[in-house]
């Protein structure tokens, strides 16, 4: 394993993801049930998936290129789904507050 700039960026990203995961898990106890609770559980699952995906990034040089590309593609796909869910949740919350 070589220690170049991408390795250190991956380590920084992993640390940020662990921080995000800890925030999501701590906040989970404060989230009510219903639509917000179900959405938060889905967001928690996606953050866990991201964390696992990010943990693989330092090992990309050891993986076959097809596998590394698949992992990156999946991270992008789940990232896009995460953004859609988050924006929809924020939209619902704003609708409730302004209604």
PDB file of N, CA and C in Angstrom:
ATOM      1  N   UNK A   1       0.855  -1.173   0.000  1.00  0.00           N
ATOM      2  CA  UNK A   1       0.000   0.000   0.000  1.00  0.00           C
ATOM      3  C   UNK A   1       0.900   1.235   0.000  1.00  0.00           C
ATOM      4  N   UNK A   2       0.640   2.135  -0.961  1.00  0.00           N
ATOM      5  CA  UNK A   2       1.470   3.334  -1.003  1.00  0.00           C
ATOM      6  C   UNK A   2       0.755   4.483  -0.304  1.00  0.00           C
ATOM      7  N   UNK A   3       1.537   5.318   0.327  1.00  0.00           N
ATOM      8  CA  UNK A   3       1.003   6.427   1.097  1.00  0.00           C
ATOM      9  C   UNK A   3       1.198   7.724   0.323  1.00  0.00           C
ATOM     10  N   UNK A   4       0.284   7.975  -0.615  1.00  0.00           N
ATOM     11  CA  UNK A   4       0.328   9.208  -1.377  1.00  0.00           C
ATOM     12  C   UNK A   4      -0.803  10.125  -0.915  1.00  0.00           C
ATOM     13  N   UNK A   5      -1.010  11.209  -1.619  1.00  0.00           N
ATOM     14  CA  UNK A   5      -2.026  12.191  -1.218  1.00  0.00           C
ATOM     15  C   UNK A   5      -3.428  11.589  -1.205  1.00  0.00           C
ATOM     16  N   UNK A   6      -3.721  10.671  -2.130  1.00  0.00           N
ATOM     17  CA  UNK A   6      -5.058  10.068  -2.154  1.00  0.00           C
ATOM     18  C   UNK A   6      -5.303   9.220  -0.909  1.00  0.00           C
ATOM     19  N   UNK A   7      -4.265   8.586  -0.402  1.00  0.00           N
ATOM     20  CA  UNK A   7      -4.402   7.807   0.827  1.00  0.00           C
ATOM     21  C   UNK A   7      -4.810   8.715   1.986  1.00  0.00           C
ATOM     22  N   UNK A   8      -4.122   9.844   2.115  1.00  0.00           N
ATOM     23  CA  UNK A   8      -4.413  10.753   3.223  1.00  0.00           C
ATOM     24  C   UNK A   8      -5.779  11.425   3.069  1.00  0.00           C
ATOM     25  N   UNK A   9      -6.183  11.698   1.839  1.00  0.00           N
ATOM     26  CA  UNK A   9      -7.532  12.227   1.603  1.00  0.00           C
ATOM     27  C   UNK A   9      -8.566  11.176   1.988  1.00  0.00           C
ATOM     28  N   UNK A  10      -8.306   9.920   1.647  1.00  0.00           N
ATOM     29  CA  UNK A  10      -9.226   8.835   2.022  1.00  0.00           C
ATOM     30  C   UNK A  10      -9.348   8.703   3.533  1.00  0.00           C
ATOM     31  N   UNK A  11      -8.229   8.796   4.223  1.00  0.00           N
ATOM     32  CA  UNK A  11      -8.254   8.716   5.690  1.00  0.00           C
ATOM     33  C   UNK A  11      -9.054   9.880   6.267  1.00  0.00           C
ATOM     34  N   UNK A  12      -8.861  11.080   5.726  1.00  0.00           N
ATOM     35  CA  UNK A  12      -9.627  12.237   6.197  1.00  0.00           C
ATOM     36  C   UNK A  12     -11.118  12.024   5.946  1.00  0.00           C
ATOM     37  N   UNK A  13     -11.474  11.510   4.770  1.00  0.00           N
ATOM     38  CA  UNK A  13     -12.882  11.249   4.445  1.00  0.00           C
ATOM     39  C   UNK A  13     -13.470  10.202   5.383  1.00  0.00           C
ATOM     40  N   UNK A  14     -12.710   9.182   5.699  1.00  0.00           N
ATOM     41  CA  UNK A  14     -13.171   8.134   6.624  1.00  0.00           C
ATOM     42  C   UNK A  14     -13.434   8.734   8.007  1.00  0.00           C
ATOM     43  N   UNK A  15     -12.532   9.586   8.469  1.00  0.00           N
ATOM     44  CA  UNK A  15     -12.727  10.217   9.777  1.00  0.00           C
ATOM     45  C   UNK A  15     -13.979  11.092   9.788  1.00  0.00           C
ATOM     46  N   UNK A  16     -14.204  11.840   8.713  1.00  0.00           N
ATOM     47  CA  UNK A  16     -15.409  12.664   8.616  1.00  0.00           C
ATOM     48  C   UNK A  16     -16.654  11.776   8.621  1.00  0.00           C
ATOM     49  N   UNK A  17     -16.609  10.657   7.902  1.00  0.00           N
ATOM     50  CA  UNK A  17     -17.764   9.759   7.859  1.00  0.00           C
ATOM     51  C   UNK A  17     -18.048   9.150   9.230  1.00  0.00           C
ATOM     52  N   UNK A  18     -17.008   8.794   9.976  1.00  0.00           N
ATOM     53  CA  UNK A  18     -17.238   8.275  11.329  1.00  0.00           C
ATOM     54  C   UNK A  18     -17.854   9.344  12.225  1.00  0.00           C
ATOM     55  N   UNK A  19     -17.426  10.592  12.044  1.00  0.00           N
ATOM     56  CA  UNK A  19     -18.026  11.695  12.800  1.00  0.00           C
ATOM     57  C   UNK A  19     -19.504  11.827  12.429  1.00  0.00           C
ATOM     58  N   UNK A  20     -19.805  11.800  11.129  1.00  0.00           N
ATOM     59  CA  UNK A  20     -21.201  11.890  10.677  1.00  0.00           C
ATOM     60  C   UNK A  20     -22.023  10.720  11.202  1.00  0.00           C
ATOM     61  N   UNK A  21     -21.454   9.542  11.161  1.00  0.00           N
ATOM     62  CA  UNK A  21     -22.163   8.365  11.657  1.00  0.00           C
ATOM     63  C   UNK A  21     -22.482   8.512  13.141  1.00  0.00           C
ATOM     64  N   UNK A  22     -21.525   9.022  13.920  1.00  0.00           N
ATOM     65  CA  UNK A  22     -21.782   9.207  15.347  1.00  0.00           C
ATOM     66  C   UNK A  22     -22.895  10.242  15.563  1.00  0.00           C
ATOM     67  N   UNK A  23     -22.902  11.322  14.766  1.00  0.00           N
ATOM     68  CA  UNK A  23     -23.969  12.322  14.882  1.00  0.00           C
ATOM     69  C   UNK A  23     -25.330  11.729  14.545  1.00  0.00           C
ATOM     70  N   UNK A  24     -25.387  10.956  13.463  1.00  0.00           N
ATOM     71  CA  UNK A  24     -26.647  10.345  13.037  1.00  0.00           C
ATOM     72  C   UNK A  24     -27.176   9.412  14.122  1.00  0.00           C
ATOM     73  N   UNK A  25     -26.294   8.635  14.716  1.00  0.00           N
ATOM     74  CA  UNK A  25     -26.724   7.688  15.743  1.00  0.00           C
ATOM     75  C   UNK A  25     -27.160   8.392  17.021  1.00  0.00           C
ATOM     76  N   UNK A  26     -26.473   9.468  17.393  1.00  0.00           N
ATOM     77  CA  UNK A  26     -26.854  10.220  18.591  1.00  0.00           C
ATOM     78  C   UNK A  26     -28.200  10.905  18.380  1.00  0.00           C
ATOM     79  N   UNK A  27     -28.389  11.490  17.199  1.00  0.00           N
ATOM     80  CA  UNK A  27     -29.648  12.183  16.910  1.00  0.00           C
ATOM     81  C   UNK A  27     -30.823  11.227  16.767  1.00  0.00           C
ATOM     82  N   UNK A  28     -30.545   9.990  16.435  1.00  0.00           N
ATOM     83  CA  UNK A  28     -31.611   9.016  16.204  1.00  0.00           C
ATOM     84  C   UNK A  28     -32.547   8.885  17.394  1.00  0.00           C
ATOM     85  N   UNK A  29     -32.013   8.992  18.586  1.00  0.00           N
ATOM     86  CA  UNK A  29     -32.851   8.897  19.781  1.00  0.00           C
ATOM     87  C   UNK A  29     -33.785  10.084  19.959  1.00  0.00           C
ATOM     88  N   UNK A  30     -33.480  11.199  19.312  1.00  0.00           N
ATOM     89  CA  UNK A  30     -34.302  12.404  19.441  1.00  0.00           C
ATOM     90  C   UNK A  30     -35.331  12.553  18.332  1.00  0.00           C
ATOM     91  N   UNK A  31     -35.286  11.685  17.356  1.00  0.00           N
ATOM     92  CA  UNK A  31     -36.178  11.792  16.204  1.00  0.00           C
ATOM     93  C   UNK A  31     -37.495  11.093  16.540  1.00  0.00           C
ATOM     94  N   UNK A  32     -38.616  11.788  16.311  1.00  0.00           N
ATOM     95  CA  UNK A  32     -39.907  11.136  16.561  1.00  0.00           C
ATOM     96  C   UNK A  32     -40.180  10.054  15.517  1.00  0.00           C
ATOM     97  N   UNK A  33     -41.210   9.301  15.727  1.00  0.00           N
ATOM     98  CA  UNK A  33     -41.592   8.259  14.769  1.00  0.00           C
ATOM     99  C   UNK A  33     -42.239   8.866  13.545  1.00  0.00           C
ATOM    100  N   UNK A  34     -43.063   8.105  12.891  1.00  0.00           N
ATOM    101  CA  UNK A  34     -43.762   8.589  11.709  1.00  0.00           C
ATOM    102  C   UNK A  34     -42.845   8.710  10.509  1.00  0.00           C
ATOM    103  N   UNK A  35     -43.188   9.633   9.634  1.00  0.00           N
ATOM    104  CA  UNK A  35     -42.444   9.816   8.390  1.00  0.00           C
ATOM    105  C   UNK A  35     -41.002  10.235   8.669  1.00  0.00           C
ATOM    106  N   UNK A  36     -40.824  11.159   9.599  1.00  0.00           N
ATOM    107  CA  UNK A  36     -39.467  11.627   9.910  1.00  0.00           C
ATOM    108  C   UNK A  36     -38.634  10.488  10.479  1.00  0.00           C
ATOM    109  N   UNK A  37     -39.196   9.708  11.366  1.00  0.00           N
ATOM    110  CA  UNK A  37     -38.470   8.585  11.962  1.00  0.00           C
ATOM    111  C   UNK A  37     -38.077   7.543  10.930  1.00  0.00           C
ATOM    112  N   UNK A  38     -39.015   7.198  10.040  1.00  0.00           N
ATOM    113  CA  UNK A  38     -38.699   6.219   8.978  1.00  0.00           C
ATOM    114  C   UNK A  38     -37.624   6.762   8.038  1.00  0.00           C
ATOM    115  N   UNK A  39     -37.738   8.025   7.693  1.00  0.00           N
ATOM    116  CA  UNK A  39     -36.744   8.631   6.806  1.00  0.00           C
ATOM    117  C   UNK A  39     -35.382   8.679   7.476  1.00  0.00           C
ATOM    118  N   UNK A  40     -35.363   8.994   8.763  1.00  0.00           N
ATOM    119  CA  UNK A  40     -34.096   9.060   9.486  1.00  0.00           C
ATOM    120  C   UNK A  40     -33.434   7.681   9.551  1.00  0.00           C
ATOM    121  N   UNK A  41     -34.224   6.628   9.715  1.00  0.00           N
ATOM    122  CA  UNK A  41     -33.659   5.274   9.723  1.00  0.00           C
ATOM    123  C   UNK A  41     -33.018   4.962   8.374  1.00  0.00           C
ATOM    124  N   UNK A  42     -33.672   5.371   7.295  1.00  0.00           N
ATOM    125  CA  UNK A  42     -33.105   5.152   5.964  1.00  0.00           C
ATOM    126  C   UNK A  42     -31.820   5.960   5.784  1.00  0.00           C
ATOM    127  N   UNK A  43     -31.816   7.199   6.245  1.00  0.00           N
ATOM    128  CA  UNK A  43     -30.596   8.014   6.163  1.00  0.00           C
ATOM    129  C   UNK A  43     -29.470   7.402   6.998  1.00  0.00           C
ATOM    130  N   UNK A  44     -29.819   6.858   8.153  1.00  0.00           N
ATOM    131  CA  UNK A  44     -28.810   6.192   8.992  1.00  0.00           C
ATOM    132  C   UNK A  44     -28.197   5.008   8.257  1.00  0.00           C
ATOM    133  N   UNK A  45     -29.043   4.216   7.608  1.00  0.00           N
ATOM    134  CA  UNK A  45     -28.543   3.079   6.835  1.00  0.00           C
ATOM    135  C   UNK A  45     -27.611   3.548   5.715  1.00  0.00           C
ATOM    136  N   UNK A  46     -27.982   4.609   5.033  1.00  0.00           N
ATOM    137  CA  UNK A  46     -27.132   5.121   3.952  1.00  0.00           C
ATOM    138  C   UNK A  46     -25.791   5.640   4.481  1.00  0.00           C
ATOM    139  N   UNK A  47     -25.798   6.310   5.624  1.00  0.00           N
ATOM    140  CA  UNK A  47     -24.542   6.777   6.209  1.00  0.00           C
ATOM    141  C   UNK A  47     -23.664   5.584   6.573  1.00  0.00           C
ATOM    142  N   UNK A  48     -24.272   4.516   7.070  1.00  0.00           N
ATOM    143  CA  UNK A  48     -23.499   3.300   7.372  1.00  0.00           C
ATOM    144  C   UNK A  48     -22.887   2.710   6.094  1.00  0.00           C
ATOM    145  N   UNK A  49     -23.679   2.676   5.023  1.00  0.00           N
ATOM    146  CA  UNK A  49     -23.159   2.178   3.745  1.00  0.00           C
ATOM    147  C   UNK A  49     -22.015   3.046   3.228  1.00  0.00           C
ATOM    148  N   UNK A  50     -22.164   4.369   3.347  1.00  0.00           N
ATOM    149  CA  UNK A  50     -21.082   5.264   2.937  1.00  0.00           C
ATOM    150  C   UNK A  50     -19.817   4.991   3.734  1.00  0.00           C
ATOM    151  N   UNK A  51     -19.978   4.815   5.030  1.00  0.00           N
ATOM    152  CA  UNK A  51     -18.817   4.581   5.887  1.00  0.00           C
ATOM    153  C   UNK A  51     -18.086   3.313   5.457  1.00  0.00           C
ATOM    154  N   UNK A  52     -18.823   2.258   5.175  1.00  0.00           N
ATOM    155  CA  UNK A  52     -18.206   1.011   4.703  1.00  0.00           C
ATOM    156  C   UNK A  52     -17.511   1.241   3.362  1.00  0.00           C
ATOM    157  N   UNK A  53     -18.185   1.953   2.459  1.00  0.00           N
ATOM    158  CA  UNK A  53     -17.575   2.250   1.160  1.00  0.00           C
ATOM    159  C   UNK A  53     -16.313   3.076   1.297  1.00  0.00           C
ATOM    160  N   UNK A  54     -16.353   4.077   2.179  1.00  0.00           N
ATOM    161  CA  UNK A  54     -15.174   4.921   2.386  1.00  0.00           C
ATOM    162  C   UNK A  54     -14.030   4.128   3.004  1.00  0.00           C
ATOM    163  N   UNK A  55     -14.360   3.153   3.854  1.00  0.00           N
ATOM    164  CA  UNK A  55     -13.308   2.326   4.454  1.00  0.00           C
ATOM    165  C   UNK A  55     -12.545   1.526   3.398  1.00  0.00           C
ATOM    166  N   UNK A  56     -13.174   1.259   2.269  1.00  0.00           N
ATOM    167  CA  UNK A  56     -12.523   0.499   1.201  1.00  0.00           C
ATOM    168  C   UNK A  56     -11.566   1.347   0.370  1.00  0.00           C
ATOM    169  N   UNK A  57     -11.730   2.668   0.400  1.00  0.00           N
ATOM    170  CA  UNK A  57     -10.947   3.511  -0.522  1.00  0.00           C
ATOM    171  C   UNK A  57      -9.429   3.422  -0.353  1.00  0.00           C
ATOM    172  N   UNK A  58      -8.878   3.300   0.853  1.00  0.00           N
ATOM    173  CA  UNK A  58      -7.412   3.177   0.927  1.00  0.00           C
ATOM    174  C   UNK A  58      -6.883   1.897   0.272  1.00  0.00           C
ATOM    175  N   UNK A  59      -7.751   0.914   0.088  1.00  0.00           N
ATOM    176  CA  UNK A  59      -7.336  -0.361  -0.487  1.00  0.00           C
ATOM    177  C   UNK A  59      -7.573  -0.433  -1.991  1.00  0.00           C
ATOM    178  N   UNK A  60      -8.041   0.661  -2.598  1.00  0.00           N
ATOM    179  CA  UNK A  60      -8.312   0.658  -4.037  1.00  0.00           C
ATOM    180  C   UNK A  60      -7.115   0.223  -4.872  1.00  0.00           C
ATOM    181  N   UNK A  61      -5.885   0.648  -4.539  1.00  0.00           N
ATOM    182  CA  UNK A  61      -4.745   0.187  -5.355  1.00  0.00           C
ATOM    183  C   UNK A  61      -4.559  -1.331  -5.328  1.00  0.00           C
ATOM    184  N   UNK A  62      -5.082  -1.996  -4.300  1.00  0.00           N
ATOM    185  CA  UNK A  62      -4.938  -3.444  -4.182  1.00  0.00           C
ATOM    186  C   UNK A  62      -6.074  -4.193  -4.885  1.00  0.00           C
ATOM    187  N   UNK A  63      -7.146  -3.480  -5.219  1.00  0.00           N
ATOM    188  CA  UNK A  63      -8.316  -4.103  -5.831  1.00  0.00           C
ATOM    189  C   UNK A  63      -8.206  -4.102  -7.353  1.00  0.00           C
ATOM    190  N   UNK A  64      -8.847  -5.071  -7.990  1.00  0.00           N
ATOM    191  CA  UNK A  64      -8.929  -5.011  -9.451  1.00  0.00           C
ATOM    192  C   UNK A  64      -9.687  -3.739  -9.858  1.00  0.00           C
ATOM    193  N   UNK A  65      -9.292  -3.119 -10.964  1.00  0.00           N
ATOM    194  CA  UNK A  65      -9.937  -1.855 -11.378  1.00  0.00           C
ATOM    195  C   UNK A  65     -11.457  -1.963 -11.510  1.00  0.00           C
ATOM    196  N   UNK A  66     -11.971  -3.092 -11.982  1.00  0.00           N
ATOM    197  CA  UNK A  66     -13.423  -3.244 -12.120  1.00  0.00           C
ATOM    198  C   UNK A  66     -14.125  -3.175 -10.766  1.00  0.00           C
ATOM    199  N   UNK A  67     -13.529  -3.779  -9.755  1.00  0.00           N
ATOM    200  CA  UNK A  67     -14.122  -3.778  -8.413  1.00  0.00           C
ATOM    201  C   UNK A  67     -14.065  -2.364  -7.822  1.00  0.00           C
ATOM    202  N   UNK A  68     -12.938  -1.696  -7.980  1.00  0.00           N
ATOM    203  CA  UNK A  68     -12.807  -0.325  -7.476  1.00  0.00           C
ATOM    204  C   UNK A  68     -13.810   0.593  -8.163  1.00  0.00           C
ATOM    205  N   UNK A  69     -13.956   0.459  -9.463  1.00  0.00           N
ATOM    206  CA  UNK A  69     -14.932   1.281 -10.197  1.00  0.00           C
ATOM    207  C   UNK A  69     -16.355   0.993  -9.747  1.00  0.00           C
ATOM    208  N   UNK A  70     -16.666  -0.270  -9.474  1.00  0.00           N
ATOM    209  CA  UNK A  70     -17.994  -0.629  -8.984  1.00  0.00           C
ATOM    210  C   UNK A  70     -18.264   0.014  -7.633  1.00  0.00           C
ATOM    211  N   UNK A  71     -17.294  -0.026  -6.748  1.00  0.00           N
ATOM    212  CA  UNK A  71     -17.461   0.576  -5.421  1.00  0.00           C
ATOM    213  C   UNK A  71     -17.690   2.083  -5.538  1.00  0.00           C
ATOM    214  N   UNK A  72     -16.900   2.748  -6.374  1.00  0.00           N
ATOM    215  CA  UNK A  72     -17.071   4.190  -6.571  1.00  0.00           C
ATOM    216  C   UNK A  72     -18.450   4.487  -7.152  1.00  0.00           C
ATOM    217  N   UNK A  73     -18.862   3.709  -8.128  1.00  0.00           N
ATOM    218  CA  UNK A  73     -20.183   3.909  -8.732  1.00  0.00           C
ATOM    219  C   UNK A  73     -21.292   3.740  -7.708  1.00  0.00           C
ATOM    220  N   UNK A  74     -21.167   2.739  -6.847  1.00  0.00           N
ATOM    221  CA  UNK A  74     -22.176   2.514  -5.806  1.00  0.00           C
ATOM    222  C   UNK A  74     -22.195   3.661  -4.793  1.00  0.00           C
ATOM    223  N   UNK A  75     -21.017   4.163  -4.436  1.00  0.00           N
ATOM    224  CA  UNK A  75     -20.950   5.302  -3.516  1.00  0.00           C
ATOM    225  C   UNK A  75     -21.655   6.505  -4.140  1.00  0.00           C
ATOM    226  N   UNK A  76     -21.413   6.755  -5.430  1.00  0.00           N
ATOM    227  CA  UNK A  76     -22.087   7.861  -6.113  1.00  0.00           C
ATOM    228  C   UNK A  76     -23.594   7.651  -6.159  1.00  0.00           C
ATOM    229  N   UNK A  77     -24.029   6.441  -6.473  1.00  0.00           N
ATOM    230  CA  UNK A  77     -25.459   6.156  -6.542  1.00  0.00           C
ATOM    231  C   UNK A  77     -26.126   6.374  -5.187  1.00  0.00           C
ATOM    232  N   UNK A  78     -25.555   5.781  -4.135  1.00  0.00           N
ATOM    233  CA  UNK A  78     -26.137   5.940  -2.811  1.00  0.00           C
ATOM    234  C   UNK A  78     -26.039   7.391  -2.341  1.00  0.00           C
ATOM    235  N   UNK A  79     -25.011   8.111  -2.774  1.00  0.00           N
ATOM    236  CA  UNK A  79     -24.902   9.534  -2.460  1.00  0.00           C
ATOM    237  C   UNK A  79     -26.040  10.321  -3.081  1.00  0.00           C
ATOM    238  N   UNK A  80     -26.354  10.006  -4.323  1.00  0.00           N
ATOM    239  CA  UNK A  80     -27.464  10.684  -4.996  1.00  0.00           C
ATOM    240  C   UNK A  80     -28.793  10.374  -4.303  1.00  0.00           C
ATOM    241  N   UNK A  81     -28.984   9.120  -3.910  1.00  0.00           N
ATOM    242  CA  UNK A  81     -30.207   8.739  -3.196  1.00  0.00           C
ATOM    243  C   UNK A  81     -30.272   9.469  -1.852  1.00  0.00           C
ATOM    244  N   UNK A  82     -29.154   9.559  -1.173  1.00  0.00           N
ATOM    245  CA  UNK A  82     -29.088  10.263   0.109  1.00  0.00           C
ATOM    246  C   UNK A  82     -29.502  11.724  -0.057  1.00  0.00           C
ATOM    247  N   UNK A  83     -28.996  12.368  -1.096  1.00  0.00           N
ATOM    248  CA  UNK A  83     -29.336  13.776  -1.333  1.00  0.00           C
ATOM    249  C   UNK A  83     -30.830  13.927  -1.612  1.00  0.00           C
ATOM    250  N   UNK A  84     -31.397  13.054  -2.428  1.00  0.00           N
ATOM    251  CA  UNK A  84     -32.836  13.122  -2.727  1.00  0.00           C
ATOM    252  C   UNK A  84     -33.649  12.968  -1.445  1.00  0.00           C
ATOM    253  N   UNK A  85     -33.321  11.982  -0.639  1.00  0.00           N
ATOM    254  CA  UNK A  85     -34.069  11.744   0.599  1.00  0.00           C
ATOM    255  C   UNK A  85     -33.934  12.926   1.548  1.00  0.00           C
ATOM    256  N   UNK A  86     -32.736  13.465   1.674  1.00  0.00           N
ATOM    257  CA  UNK A  86     -32.502  14.593   2.571  1.00  0.00           C
ATOM    258  C   UNK A  86     -33.269  15.825   2.112  1.00  0.00           C
ATOM    259  N   UNK A  87     -33.208  16.127   0.831  1.00  0.00           N
ATOM    260  CA  UNK A  87     -33.927  17.304   0.316  1.00  0.00           C
ATOM    261  C   UNK A  87     -35.435  17.128   0.492  1.00  0.00           C
ATOM    262  N   UNK A  88     -35.948  15.931   0.220  1.00  0.00           N
ATOM    263  CA  UNK A  88     -37.390  15.689   0.407  1.00  0.00           C
ATOM    264  C   UNK A  88     -37.791  15.823   1.875  1.00  0.00           C
ATOM    265  N   UNK A  89     -36.940  15.343   2.778  1.00  0.00           N
ATOM    266  CA  UNK A  89     -37.230  15.465   4.204  1.00  0.00           C
ATOM    267  C   UNK A  89     -37.243  16.932   4.617  1.00  0.00           C
ATOM    268  N   UNK A  90     -36.270  17.697   4.181  1.00  0.00           N
ATOM    269  CA  UNK A  90     -36.220  19.122   4.509  1.00  0.00           C
ATOM    270  C   UNK A  90     -37.435  19.835   3.914  1.00  0.00           C
ATOM    271  N   UNK A  91     -37.814  19.470   2.698  1.00  0.00           N
ATOM    272  CA  UNK A  91     -38.985  20.053   2.061  1.00  0.00           C
ATOM    273  C   UNK A  91     -40.241  19.790   2.890  1.00  0.00           C
ATOM    274  N   UNK A  92     -40.408  18.552   3.369  1.00  0.00           N
ATOM    275  CA  UNK A  92     -41.575  18.210   4.199  1.00  0.00           C
ATOM    276  C   UNK A  92     -41.572  19.002   5.518  1.00  0.00           C
ATOM    277  N   UNK A  93     -40.406  19.137   6.107  1.00  0.00           N
ATOM    278  CA  UNK A  93     -40.309  19.865   7.366  1.00  0.00           C
ATOM    279  C   UNK A  93     -40.661  21.330   7.154  1.00  0.00           C
ATOM    280  N   UNK A  94     -40.169  21.928   6.072  1.00  0.00           N
ATOM    281  CA  UNK A  94     -40.496  23.332   5.776  1.00  0.00           C
ATOM    282  C   UNK A  94     -41.986  23.483   5.501  1.00  0.00           C
ATOM    283  N   UNK A  95     -42.578  22.530   4.772  1.00  0.00           N
ATOM    284  CA  UNK A  95     -44.026  22.584   4.538  1.00  0.00           C
ATOM    285  C   UNK A  95     -44.799  22.553   5.850  1.00  0.00           C
ATOM    286  N   UNK A  96     -44.386  21.699   6.766  1.00  0.00           N
ATOM    287  CA  UNK A  96     -45.080  21.586   8.061  1.00  0.00           C
ATOM    288  C   UNK A  96     -44.924  22.874   8.870  1.00  0.00           C
ATOM    289  N   UNK A  97     -43.739  23.467   8.857  1.00  0.00           N
ATOM    290  CA  UNK A  97     -43.502  24.667   9.643  1.00  0.00           C
ATOM    291  C   UNK A  97     -44.227  25.883   9.074  1.00  0.00           C
ATOM    292  N   UNK A  98     -44.377  25.917   7.748  1.00  0.00           N
ATOM    293  CA  UNK A  98     -45.011  27.091   7.137  1.00  0.00           C
ATOM    294  C   UNK A  98     -46.521  26.926   6.962  1.00  0.00           C
ATOM    295  N   UNK A  99     -47.019  25.722   7.217  1.00  0.00           N
ATOM    296  CA  UNK A  99     -48.443  25.448   6.994  1.00  0.00           C
ATOM    297  C   UNK A  99     -49.249  25.825   8.154  1.00  0.00           C
TER     298      UNK A  99
END
